[in-house]
Every structure is written in structure tokens, then in C-alpha cells.
Amino acid sequence: MYKDKKVIVVLPAYNAARTLEKTYNEIPFGLVDEVILCDDASSDNTSDLARQIGIPHVIVHENNKGYGGNQKSLYNKALELGGDIIIMLHPDYQYTPKLIPAMVNIIGEGLYPVVLGSRILGKGALAGGMPFYKYIANRALTLTQNLLVNYKLSEYHTGYRAFSREVLTGISFNLNSDDFVFDNEMLSQIIYGGYHIAEVTCPTKYFEEASSINFRRSMRYGFGVLRVSFNHFLQRTGLAKFDRYKKPVVKELDAVGSGKA
């Protein structure tokens, strides 16, 4: 709890058994009230291990729904449990849980409603093992996105994110893709909705157990990111309209709000 605000960490998991416990043990439980893990039809014992180490809320997808589908289950559950500050932390230990207090403080003090853990701020991305082609693609895509969506971030592609309840209930994230481009669609909605975003420097860790998409999936993701950015440009300039940018209807918000104690 942070100043009467309920803090929830959500873990989107897929074959994360080798790194889950290490990640979980570094979560600052003096600050975090609840942890939710969603196992997206792993072939290892991720969900069993999650229960063994004491994660109180474990969601299991019988069929793989994708990275975006995993996040949808987690955010909906976090809102149902009354979360005021929701942090997405990958259980593959690529992002350090030790940044959670800083991210919670920024949102809890009302400075920003969204915080991203940026691997690009500073000069640690390549030193931390980010493949060179991914670094170049990250920089090129980010430059293009900043121009098209009329914002300025160091990167749009980090998986370390924290949100206020207001943001999650104010955007239609359930309309987004179930694939990796979900993250960019969500940021596009947040920026279009007028919410401001903070970034904190996050150490980069690339190692064998850390999850990563292959070159082919990376290319597909890159084209998806460009599509989202062009759609955002068309939406903000009034040249087209997309349902993704509509506010959630009141009925959905009431249903979500009823889960808050």
C-alpha cells in the first residue's frame, strides 16, 4: 500500500519457470499488496511453481492467447481486485523488480499516471546485451513514432510499465491485439487520451533464460508498430476514426469499479 493506494504487480508468464522465483523474491512486498501471474499455456511448470512460491492469484490460459491476451487477463483482474497502481513486470528477470518503488512513488505522488522503464535512457542497452539489430530497430521505430504520434519518448518498446487505475479504466485496452503490438497500441491510446508518461532508466539484461522474439517475429512486430503509429496520426489529424481510441463505455467502467473495496 502506498498512501492508501493498492499496489498490484502483474506477471505475464510463458515458460518462465527458470526465472520466476528469482524475479518474485526481489519484489518489494513491503510496498506491493498483491501479485497476479497469468500463465499463457506454458509447456513447463510455470503455474505450479507460481502457486508453490506463494503467488496468491494465478490465472491459467488453457490455450495460448498471446502476449497481448495475457496482459488483458492481468489488467482486468488487477482492476477487479481494486488496484490503484498496477505494475507489469516480466517474470524472465530481464527487468529488475528493484525499480518498483520508484515507479510507484511517481504515480502515487500524482506526478505522472504512467511510468515506463526505459532501456535506452543512458548508454546501457548495448552494454547489457541488447542485440545490435534490435537496438537500431528500436531507435528507428521510436524516432518514427515520436513524429507520427506527436510525443517524445526514449523508447516505446519496453515491457516494464506502471499505470494508475485512472489510465487503465480510461482506455479501451481490451480492443487491442492479442499479439506483441498490444504494447504499442496501449501507448498510442494513452497518448491520444492526454495522459502524460514518465520514464526511468532501467538496466538492460539479455541472457539465455530471458524471453526474446526471433528476427521474423521482430519484423512482424516492427510493421505492426508502424501501422499503429500511422493510425494514430490519422486519428489525431481527423483523417480517420478507429474504435480503439474510444473511451470505454460507462457500463464497463461500473463493472470494473465494483471490484474496488
C-alpha atoms as a PDB file:
ATOM      1  CA  MET A   1       0.000   0.000   0.000  1.00  0.00           C
ATOM      2  CA  TYR A   2       1.253   3.451  -0.884  1.00  0.00           C
ATOM      3  CA  LYS A   3      -0.643   6.270   0.850  1.00  0.00           C
ATOM      4  CA  ASP A   4      -3.886   4.257   0.819  1.00  0.00           C
ATOM      5  CA  LYS A   5      -3.331   3.225  -2.801  1.00  0.00           C
ATOM      6  CA  LYS A   6      -3.376  -0.505  -3.500  1.00  0.00           C
ATOM      7  CA  VAL A   7      -0.294  -1.648  -5.412  1.00  0.00           C
ATOM      8  CA  ILE A   8      -0.506  -4.715  -7.638  1.00  0.00           C
ATOM      9  CA  VAL A   9       2.266  -6.360  -9.652  1.00  0.00           C
ATOM     10  CA  VAL A  10       1.179  -8.393 -12.678  1.00  0.00           C
ATOM     11  CA  LEU A  11       3.395 -11.048 -14.282  1.00  0.00           C
ATOM     12  CA  PRO A  12       2.720 -12.080 -17.910  1.00  0.00           C
ATOM     13  CA  ALA A  13       4.290 -15.544 -17.990  1.00  0.00           C
ATOM     14  CA  TYR A  14       5.134 -18.056 -20.687  1.00  0.00           C
ATOM     15  CA  ASN A  15       7.602 -20.848 -19.905  1.00  0.00           C
ATOM     16  CA  ALA A  16       9.060 -18.735 -17.092  1.00  0.00           C
ATOM     17  CA  ALA A  17       9.820 -21.483 -14.562  1.00  0.00           C
ATOM     18  CA  ARG A  18      13.597 -20.971 -14.689  1.00  0.00           C
ATOM     19  CA  THR A  19      13.487 -17.300 -13.698  1.00  0.00           C
ATOM     20  CA  LEU A  20      10.148 -16.842 -11.925  1.00  0.00           C
ATOM     21  CA  GLU A  21      11.290 -17.442  -8.354  1.00  0.00           C
ATOM     22  CA  LYS A  22      14.299 -15.144  -8.682  1.00  0.00           C
ATOM     23  CA  THR A  23      12.070 -12.372 -10.037  1.00  0.00           C
ATOM     24  CA  TYR A  24       9.380 -12.914  -7.414  1.00  0.00           C
ATOM     25  CA  ASN A  25      11.827 -12.859  -4.493  1.00  0.00           C
ATOM     26  CA  GLU A  26      13.019  -9.371  -5.419  1.00  0.00           C
ATOM     27  CA  ILE A  27       9.550  -7.810  -5.422  1.00  0.00           C
ATOM     28  CA  PRO A  28       9.351  -5.270  -2.533  1.00  0.00           C
ATOM     29  CA  PHE A  29       6.482  -6.826  -0.589  1.00  0.00           C
ATOM     30  CA  GLY A  30       6.510  -4.059   1.993  1.00  0.00           C
ATOM     31  CA  LEU A  31       5.047  -1.895  -0.762  1.00  0.00           C
ATOM     32  CA  VAL A  32       3.237  -4.375  -3.024  1.00  0.00           C
ATOM     33  CA  ASP A  33      -0.163  -5.636  -1.862  1.00  0.00           C
ATOM     34  CA  GLU A  34      -0.974  -8.268  -4.481  1.00  0.00           C
ATOM     35  CA  VAL A  35       0.768 -10.260  -7.193  1.00  0.00           C
ATOM     36  CA  ILE A  36      -1.052 -11.792 -10.158  1.00  0.00           C
ATOM     37  CA  LEU A  37       0.523 -14.209 -12.621  1.00  0.00           C
ATOM     38  CA  CYS A  38      -1.046 -15.278 -15.901  1.00  0.00           C
ATOM     39  CA  ASP A  39       0.383 -18.455 -17.418  1.00  0.00           C
ATOM     40  CA  ASP A  40      -0.294 -18.325 -21.148  1.00  0.00           C
ATOM     41  CA  ALA A  41      -0.454 -22.104 -21.747  1.00  0.00           C
ATOM     42  CA  SER A  42       3.189 -22.776 -20.855  1.00  0.00           C
ATOM     43  CA  SER A  43       4.721 -26.153 -21.611  1.00  0.00           C
ATOM     44  CA  ASP A  44       6.744 -26.085 -18.382  1.00  0.00           C
ATOM     45  CA  ASN A  45       5.582 -25.946 -14.737  1.00  0.00           C
ATOM     46  CA  THR A  46       5.245 -22.164 -14.518  1.00  0.00           C
ATOM     47  CA  SER A  47       1.776 -22.150 -12.930  1.00  0.00           C
ATOM     48  CA  ASP A  48       2.586 -24.931 -10.441  1.00  0.00           C
ATOM     49  CA  LEU A  49       5.748 -23.132  -9.360  1.00  0.00           C
ATOM     50  CA  ALA A  50       3.835 -19.862  -9.042  1.00  0.00           C
ATOM     51  CA  ARG A  51       1.494 -21.487  -6.521  1.00  0.00           C
ATOM     52  CA  GLN A  52       4.364 -23.160  -4.681  1.00  0.00           C
ATOM     53  CA  ILE A  53       6.223 -19.916  -4.080  1.00  0.00           C
ATOM     54  CA  GLY A  54       3.067 -18.239  -2.797  1.00  0.00           C
ATOM     55  CA  ILE A  55       1.671 -16.125  -5.626  1.00  0.00           C
ATOM     56  CA  PRO A  56      -1.941 -15.657  -4.488  1.00  0.00           C
ATOM     57  CA  HIS A  57      -3.596 -15.110  -7.862  1.00  0.00           C
ATOM     58  CA  VAL A  58      -2.655 -17.466 -10.704  1.00  0.00           C
ATOM     59  CA  ILE A  59      -4.574 -17.328 -13.990  1.00  0.00           C
ATOM     60  CA  VAL A  60      -4.022 -20.181 -16.437  1.00  0.00           C
ATOM     61  CA  HIS A  61      -4.883 -19.930 -20.127  1.00  0.00           C
ATOM     62  CA  GLU A  62      -5.665 -23.388 -21.469  1.00  0.00           C
ATOM     63  CA  ASN A  63      -4.801 -22.142 -24.965  1.00  0.00           C
ATOM     64  CA  ASN A  64      -2.090 -19.640 -25.791  1.00  0.00           C
ATOM     65  CA  LYS A  65      -3.702 -16.205 -26.224  1.00  0.00           C
ATOM     66  CA  GLY A  66      -0.530 -14.277 -26.989  1.00  0.00           C
ATOM     67  CA  TYR A  67       1.356 -11.567 -25.150  1.00  0.00           C
ATOM     68  CA  GLY A  68      -1.446  -9.033 -25.515  1.00  0.00           C
ATOM     69  CA  GLY A  69      -4.103 -11.547 -24.493  1.00  0.00           C
ATOM     70  CA  ASN A  70      -2.053 -12.346 -21.411  1.00  0.00           C
ATOM     71  CA  GLN A  71      -1.925  -8.693 -20.413  1.00  0.00           C
ATOM     72  CA  LYS A  72      -5.655  -8.238 -20.895  1.00  0.00           C
ATOM     73  CA  SER A  73      -6.356 -11.025 -18.380  1.00  0.00           C
ATOM     74  CA  LEU A  74      -3.898  -9.482 -15.919  1.00  0.00           C
ATOM     75  CA  TYR A  75      -5.145  -5.888 -16.119  1.00  0.00           C
ATOM     76  CA  ASN A  76      -8.784  -6.913 -15.882  1.00  0.00           C
ATOM     77  CA  LYS A  77      -8.005  -8.997 -12.794  1.00  0.00           C
ATOM     78  CA  ALA A  78      -5.955  -6.198 -11.230  1.00  0.00           C
ATOM     79  CA  LEU A  79      -8.844  -3.776 -11.677  1.00  0.00           C
ATOM     80  CA  GLU A  80     -11.257  -6.358 -10.286  1.00  0.00           C
ATOM     81  CA  LEU A  81      -9.062  -6.616  -7.170  1.00  0.00           C
ATOM     82  CA  GLY A  82      -9.168  -2.858  -6.708  1.00  0.00           C
ATOM     83  CA  GLY A  83      -5.657  -1.982  -7.828  1.00  0.00           C
ATOM     84  CA  ASP A  84      -4.790   1.729  -7.796  1.00  0.00           C
ATOM     85  CA  ILE A  85      -1.235   1.343  -9.104  1.00  0.00           C
ATOM     86  CA  ILE A  86      -0.563  -1.607 -11.429  1.00  0.00           C
ATOM     87  CA  ILE A  87       2.970  -2.566 -12.469  1.00  0.00           C
ATOM     88  CA  MET A  88       3.688  -5.045 -15.266  1.00  0.00           C
ATOM     89  CA  LEU A  89       6.888  -6.954 -14.541  1.00  0.00           C
ATOM     90  CA  HIS A  90       8.186  -9.710 -16.821  1.00  0.00           C
ATOM     91  CA  PRO A  91       8.978 -12.865 -14.834  1.00  0.00           C
ATOM     92  CA  ASP A  92      12.014 -13.658 -17.017  1.00  0.00           C
ATOM     93  CA  TYR A  93      14.193 -11.321 -14.890  1.00  0.00           C
ATOM     94  CA  GLN A  94      15.035  -9.108 -17.848  1.00  0.00           C
ATOM     95  CA  TYR A  95      13.784  -6.107 -15.851  1.00  0.00           C
ATOM     96  CA  THR A  96      14.781  -5.595 -12.227  1.00  0.00           C
ATOM     97  CA  PRO A  97      11.974  -5.526  -9.622  1.00  0.00           C
ATOM     98  CA  LYS A  98      14.131  -3.076  -7.650  1.00  0.00           C
ATOM     99  CA  LEU A  99      12.708  -0.190  -9.717  1.00  0.00           C
ATOM    100  CA  ILE A 100       9.169  -0.831  -8.454  1.00  0.00           C
ATOM    101  CA  PRO A 101       9.426   1.633  -5.506  1.00  0.00           C
ATOM    102  CA  ALA A 102      10.494   4.456  -7.838  1.00  0.00           C
ATOM    103  CA  MET A 103       7.684   3.723 -10.287  1.00  0.00           C
ATOM    104  CA  VAL A 104       5.097   3.501  -7.515  1.00  0.00           C
ATOM    105  CA  ASN A 105       6.315   6.763  -5.983  1.00  0.00           C
ATOM    106  CA  ILE A 106       5.947   8.653  -9.270  1.00  0.00           C
ATOM    107  CA  ILE A 107       2.342   7.534  -9.704  1.00  0.00           C
ATOM    108  CA  GLY A 108       1.435   7.571  -6.011  1.00  0.00           C
ATOM    109  CA  GLU A 109       2.574  11.186  -5.620  1.00  0.00           C
ATOM    110  CA  GLY A 110       0.474  12.241  -8.602  1.00  0.00           C
ATOM    111  CA  LEU A 111       3.467  13.261 -10.710  1.00  0.00           C
ATOM    112  CA  TYR A 112       2.610  11.062 -13.714  1.00  0.00           C
ATOM    113  CA  PRO A 113      -0.105   8.431 -14.257  1.00  0.00           C
ATOM    114  CA  VAL A 114       2.158   6.197 -16.398  1.00  0.00           C
ATOM    115  CA  VAL A 115       5.794   5.190 -15.907  1.00  0.00           C
ATOM    116  CA  LEU A 116       7.990   3.262 -18.358  1.00  0.00           C
ATOM    117  CA  GLY A 117      11.264   1.551 -17.512  1.00  0.00           C
ATOM    118  CA  SER A 118      13.450   2.659 -20.423  1.00  0.00           C
ATOM    119  CA  ARG A 119      16.394   0.569 -21.589  1.00  0.00           C
ATOM    120  CA  ILE A 120      17.524   3.355 -23.913  1.00  0.00           C
ATOM    121  CA  LEU A 121      17.920   6.261 -21.457  1.00  0.00           C
ATOM    122  CA  GLY A 122      21.625   6.409 -20.688  1.00  0.00           C
ATOM    123  CA  LYS A 123      24.023   4.133 -22.585  1.00  0.00           C
ATOM    124  CA  GLY A 124      23.382   0.720 -21.094  1.00  0.00           C
ATOM    125  CA  ALA A 125      21.322  -1.041 -23.764  1.00  0.00           C
ATOM    126  CA  LEU A 126      24.150  -2.454 -25.873  1.00  0.00           C
ATOM    127  CA  ALA A 127      26.379  -2.991 -22.834  1.00  0.00           C
ATOM    128  CA  GLY A 128      23.573  -5.018 -21.256  1.00  0.00           C
ATOM    129  CA  GLY A 129      23.446  -7.369 -24.215  1.00  0.00           C
ATOM    130  CA  MET A 130      20.713  -5.941 -26.446  1.00  0.00           C
ATOM    131  CA  PRO A 131      21.361  -7.317 -29.961  1.00  0.00           C
ATOM    132  CA  PHE A 132      22.666  -4.572 -32.239  1.00  0.00           C
ATOM    133  CA  TYR A 133      19.927  -5.036 -34.853  1.00  0.00           C
ATOM    134  CA  LYS A 134      17.289  -4.678 -32.136  1.00  0.00           C
ATOM    135  CA  TYR A 135      18.932  -1.531 -30.838  1.00  0.00           C
ATOM    136  CA  ILE A 136      18.984   0.058 -34.316  1.00  0.00           C
ATOM    137  CA  ALA A 137      15.376  -1.011 -34.979  1.00  0.00           C
ATOM    138  CA  ASN A 138      14.322   0.353 -31.584  1.00  0.00           C
ATOM    139  CA  ARG A 139      15.880   3.748 -32.299  1.00  0.00           C
ATOM    140  CA  ALA A 140      14.472   3.971 -35.839  1.00  0.00           C
ATOM    141  CA  LEU A 141      10.975   2.943 -34.813  1.00  0.00           C
ATOM    142  CA  THR A 142      10.987   5.273 -31.820  1.00  0.00           C
ATOM    143  CA  LEU A 143      12.013   8.245 -33.975  1.00  0.00           C
ATOM    144  CA  THR A 144       9.213   7.482 -36.428  1.00  0.00           C
ATOM    145  CA  GLN A 145       6.676   7.004 -33.659  1.00  0.00           C
ATOM    146  CA  ASN A 146       7.575  10.259 -31.929  1.00  0.00           C
ATOM    147  CA  LEU A 147       6.978  12.119 -35.183  1.00  0.00           C
ATOM    148  CA  LEU A 148       3.699  10.397 -36.023  1.00  0.00           C
ATOM    149  CA  VAL A 149       2.077  10.423 -32.578  1.00  0.00           C
ATOM    150  CA  ASN A 150       3.452  13.865 -31.666  1.00  0.00           C
ATOM    151  CA  TYR A 151       5.087  12.794 -28.426  1.00  0.00           C
ATOM    152  CA  LYS A 152       8.643  12.280 -27.149  1.00  0.00           C
ATOM    153  CA  LEU A 153       9.785   9.037 -25.540  1.00  0.00           C
ATOM    154  CA  SER A 154      13.200   7.398 -25.476  1.00  0.00           C
ATOM    155  CA  GLU A 155      11.537   4.099 -26.444  1.00  0.00           C
ATOM    156  CA  TYR A 156       8.067   2.631 -26.975  1.00  0.00           C
ATOM    157  CA  HIS A 157       9.151  -0.992 -26.747  1.00  0.00           C
ATOM    158  CA  THR A 158       9.956  -1.639 -23.105  1.00  0.00           C
ATOM    159  CA  GLY A 159       7.910  -4.281 -21.320  1.00  0.00           C
ATOM    160  CA  TYR A 160       8.335  -2.641 -17.914  1.00  0.00           C
ATOM    161  CA  ARG A 161       5.325  -0.408 -17.284  1.00  0.00           C
ATOM    162  CA  ALA A 162       3.288   1.033 -14.435  1.00  0.00           C
ATOM    163  CA  PHE A 163      -0.197   2.531 -14.679  1.00  0.00           C
ATOM    164  CA  SER A 164      -2.667   4.311 -12.452  1.00  0.00           C
ATOM    165  CA  ARG A 165      -6.173   2.910 -12.209  1.00  0.00           C
ATOM    166  CA  GLU A 166      -7.445   6.038 -13.945  1.00  0.00           C
ATOM    167  CA  VAL A 167      -5.438   5.200 -17.059  1.00  0.00           C
ATOM    168  CA  LEU A 168      -6.465   1.549 -17.287  1.00  0.00           C
ATOM    169  CA  THR A 169     -10.135   2.421 -16.868  1.00  0.00           C
ATOM    170  CA  GLY A 170      -9.843   5.340 -19.295  1.00  0.00           C
ATOM    171  CA  ILE A 171      -8.606   3.431 -22.354  1.00  0.00           C
ATOM    172  CA  SER A 172     -10.154   0.547 -24.297  1.00  0.00           C
ATOM    173  CA  PHE A 173      -7.212  -1.838 -23.966  1.00  0.00           C
ATOM    174  CA  ASN A 174      -9.478  -4.865 -24.410  1.00  0.00           C
ATOM    175  CA  LEU A 175      -9.944  -3.839 -28.073  1.00  0.00           C
ATOM    176  CA  ASN A 176      -6.229  -4.173 -28.777  1.00  0.00           C
ATOM    177  CA  SER A 177      -4.335  -7.004 -30.455  1.00  0.00           C
ATOM    178  CA  ASP A 178      -3.513 -10.208 -28.590  1.00  0.00           C
ATOM    179  CA  ASP A 179      -0.006 -10.157 -30.100  1.00  0.00           C
ATOM    180  CA  PHE A 180       3.140  -8.196 -29.172  1.00  0.00           C
ATOM    181  CA  VAL A 181       1.915  -4.986 -30.821  1.00  0.00           C
ATOM    182  CA  PHE A 182      -0.554  -4.695 -27.921  1.00  0.00           C
ATOM    183  CA  ASP A 183       2.063  -2.689 -26.026  1.00  0.00           C
ATOM    184  CA  ASN A 184       2.274  -0.043 -28.738  1.00  0.00           C
ATOM    185  CA  GLU A 185      -1.475   0.122 -29.216  1.00  0.00           C
ATOM    186  CA  MET A 186      -1.794   0.756 -25.499  1.00  0.00           C
ATOM    187  CA  LEU A 187       0.757   3.575 -25.512  1.00  0.00           C
ATOM    188  CA  SER A 188      -0.978   5.081 -28.539  1.00  0.00           C
ATOM    189  CA  GLN A 189      -4.281   5.074 -26.633  1.00  0.00           C
ATOM    190  CA  ILE A 190      -2.631   6.609 -23.571  1.00  0.00           C
ATOM    191  CA  ILE A 191      -1.012   9.430 -25.552  1.00  0.00           C
ATOM    192  CA  TYR A 192      -4.177  10.116 -27.546  1.00  0.00           C
ATOM    193  CA  GLY A 193      -6.129  10.172 -24.274  1.00  0.00           C
ATOM    194  CA  GLY A 194      -3.936  13.002 -22.978  1.00  0.00           C
ATOM    195  CA  TYR A 195      -2.181  11.065 -20.202  1.00  0.00           C
ATOM    196  CA  HIS A 196       1.419  12.046 -19.558  1.00  0.00           C
ATOM    197  CA  ILE A 197       4.196   9.452 -19.382  1.00  0.00           C
ATOM    198  CA  ALA A 198       7.348   9.386 -17.249  1.00  0.00           C
ATOM    199  CA  GLU A 199      10.432   7.306 -18.000  1.00  0.00           C
ATOM    200  CA  VAL A 200      13.031   5.918 -15.603  1.00  0.00           C
ATOM    201  CA  THR A 201      16.352   4.403 -16.620  1.00  0.00           C
ATOM    202  CA  CYS A 202      16.194   0.618 -16.475  1.00  0.00           C
ATOM    203  CA  PRO A 203      19.252  -1.669 -16.650  1.00  0.00           C
ATOM    204  CA  THR A 204      19.223  -3.958 -19.676  1.00  0.00           C
ATOM    205  CA  LYS A 205      19.661  -7.693 -19.179  1.00  0.00           C
ATOM    206  CA  TYR A 206      19.865 -10.123 -22.065  1.00  0.00           C
ATOM    207  CA  PHE A 207      20.764 -13.710 -21.195  1.00  0.00           C
ATOM    208  CA  GLU A 208      19.809 -17.241 -22.222  1.00  0.00           C
ATOM    209  CA  GLU A 209      16.768 -17.555 -19.944  1.00  0.00           C
ATOM    210  CA  ALA A 210      15.339 -14.145 -20.841  1.00  0.00           C
ATOM    211  CA  SER A 211      12.471 -14.236 -23.327  1.00  0.00           C
ATOM    212  CA  SER A 212      13.001 -12.696 -26.745  1.00  0.00           C
ATOM    213  CA  ILE A 213      11.245 -12.886 -30.088  1.00  0.00           C
ATOM    214  CA  ASN A 214      13.132 -14.074 -33.157  1.00  0.00           C
ATOM    215  CA  PHE A 215      14.051 -11.969 -36.202  1.00  0.00           C
ATOM    216  CA  ARG A 216      10.940 -12.954 -38.167  1.00  0.00           C
ATOM    217  CA  ARG A 217       8.612 -12.063 -35.285  1.00  0.00           C
ATOM    218  CA  SER A 218      10.594  -8.861 -34.766  1.00  0.00           C
ATOM    219  CA  MET A 219       9.948  -7.842 -38.374  1.00  0.00           C
ATOM    220  CA  ARG A 220       6.246  -8.569 -37.999  1.00  0.00           C
ATOM    221  CA  TYR A 221       6.216  -6.551 -34.794  1.00  0.00           C
ATOM    222  CA  GLY A 222       8.008  -3.649 -36.479  1.00  0.00           C
ATOM    223  CA  PHE A 223       5.464  -3.416 -39.283  1.00  0.00           C
ATOM    224  CA  GLY A 224       2.682  -3.630 -36.691  1.00  0.00           C
ATOM    225  CA  VAL A 225       4.223  -0.719 -34.793  1.00  0.00           C
ATOM    226  CA  LEU A 226       4.312   1.389 -37.955  1.00  0.00           C
ATOM    227  CA  ARG A 227       0.665   0.567 -38.640  1.00  0.00           C
ATOM    228  CA  VAL A 228      -0.320   1.668 -35.137  1.00  0.00           C
ATOM    229  CA  SER A 229       1.650   4.895 -35.484  1.00  0.00           C
ATOM    230  CA  PHE A 230       0.109   5.780 -38.856  1.00  0.00           C
ATOM    231  CA  ASN A 231      -3.356   5.012 -37.485  1.00  0.00           C
ATOM    232  CA  HIS A 232      -2.625   7.305 -34.541  1.00  0.00           C
ATOM    233  CA  PHE A 233      -1.580  10.058 -36.953  1.00  0.00           C
ATOM    234  CA  LEU A 234      -4.794   9.652 -38.942  1.00  0.00           C
ATOM    235  CA  GLN A 235      -6.862   9.686 -35.742  1.00  0.00           C
ATOM    236  CA  ARG A 236      -5.252  12.801 -34.245  1.00  0.00           C
ATOM    237  CA  THR A 237      -5.435  14.719 -37.535  1.00  0.00           C
ATOM    238  CA  GLY A 238      -9.087  13.770 -38.055  1.00  0.00           C
ATOM    239  CA  LEU A 239      -8.448  11.911 -41.303  1.00  0.00           C
ATOM    240  CA  ALA A 240      -9.836   8.644 -39.919  1.00  0.00           C
ATOM    241  CA  LYS A 241     -11.500   7.255 -36.821  1.00  0.00           C
ATOM    242  CA  PHE A 242     -10.681   3.994 -35.037  1.00  0.00           C
ATOM    243  CA  ASP A 243     -12.722   2.320 -32.303  1.00  0.00           C
ATOM    244  CA  ARG A 244      -9.551   1.692 -30.310  1.00  0.00           C
ATOM    245  CA  TYR A 245      -9.440   5.360 -29.309  1.00  0.00           C
ATOM    246  CA  LYS A 246     -12.966   5.492 -27.945  1.00  0.00           C
ATOM    247  CA  LYS A 247     -13.349   5.730 -24.181  1.00  0.00           C
ATOM    248  CA  PRO A 248     -14.698   2.572 -22.503  1.00  0.00           C
ATOM    249  CA  VAL A 249     -18.468   2.774 -22.089  1.00  0.00           C
ATOM    250  CA  VAL A 250     -19.878   3.653 -18.666  1.00  0.00           C
ATOM    251  CA  LYS A 251     -21.253   0.141 -18.155  1.00  0.00           C
ATOM    252  CA  GLU A 252     -17.727  -1.352 -18.462  1.00  0.00           C
ATOM    253  CA  LEU A 253     -16.306   1.196 -16.055  1.00  0.00           C
ATOM    254  CA  ASP A 254     -19.018   0.492 -13.491  1.00  0.00           C
ATOM    255  CA  ALA A 255     -18.333  -3.233 -13.709  1.00  0.00           C
ATOM    256  CA  VAL A 256     -14.636  -2.639 -13.171  1.00  0.00           C
ATOM    257  CA  GLY A 257     -15.144  -0.149 -10.387  1.00  0.00           C
ATOM    258  CA  SER A 258     -17.357  -2.541  -8.448  1.00  0.00           C
ATOM    259  CA  GLY A 259     -14.319  -4.681  -7.729  1.00  0.00           C
ATOM    260  CA  LYS A 260     -12.658  -1.971  -5.669  1.00  0.00           C
ATOM    261  CA  ALA A 261     -13.023  -2.328  -1.913  1.00  0.00           C
END
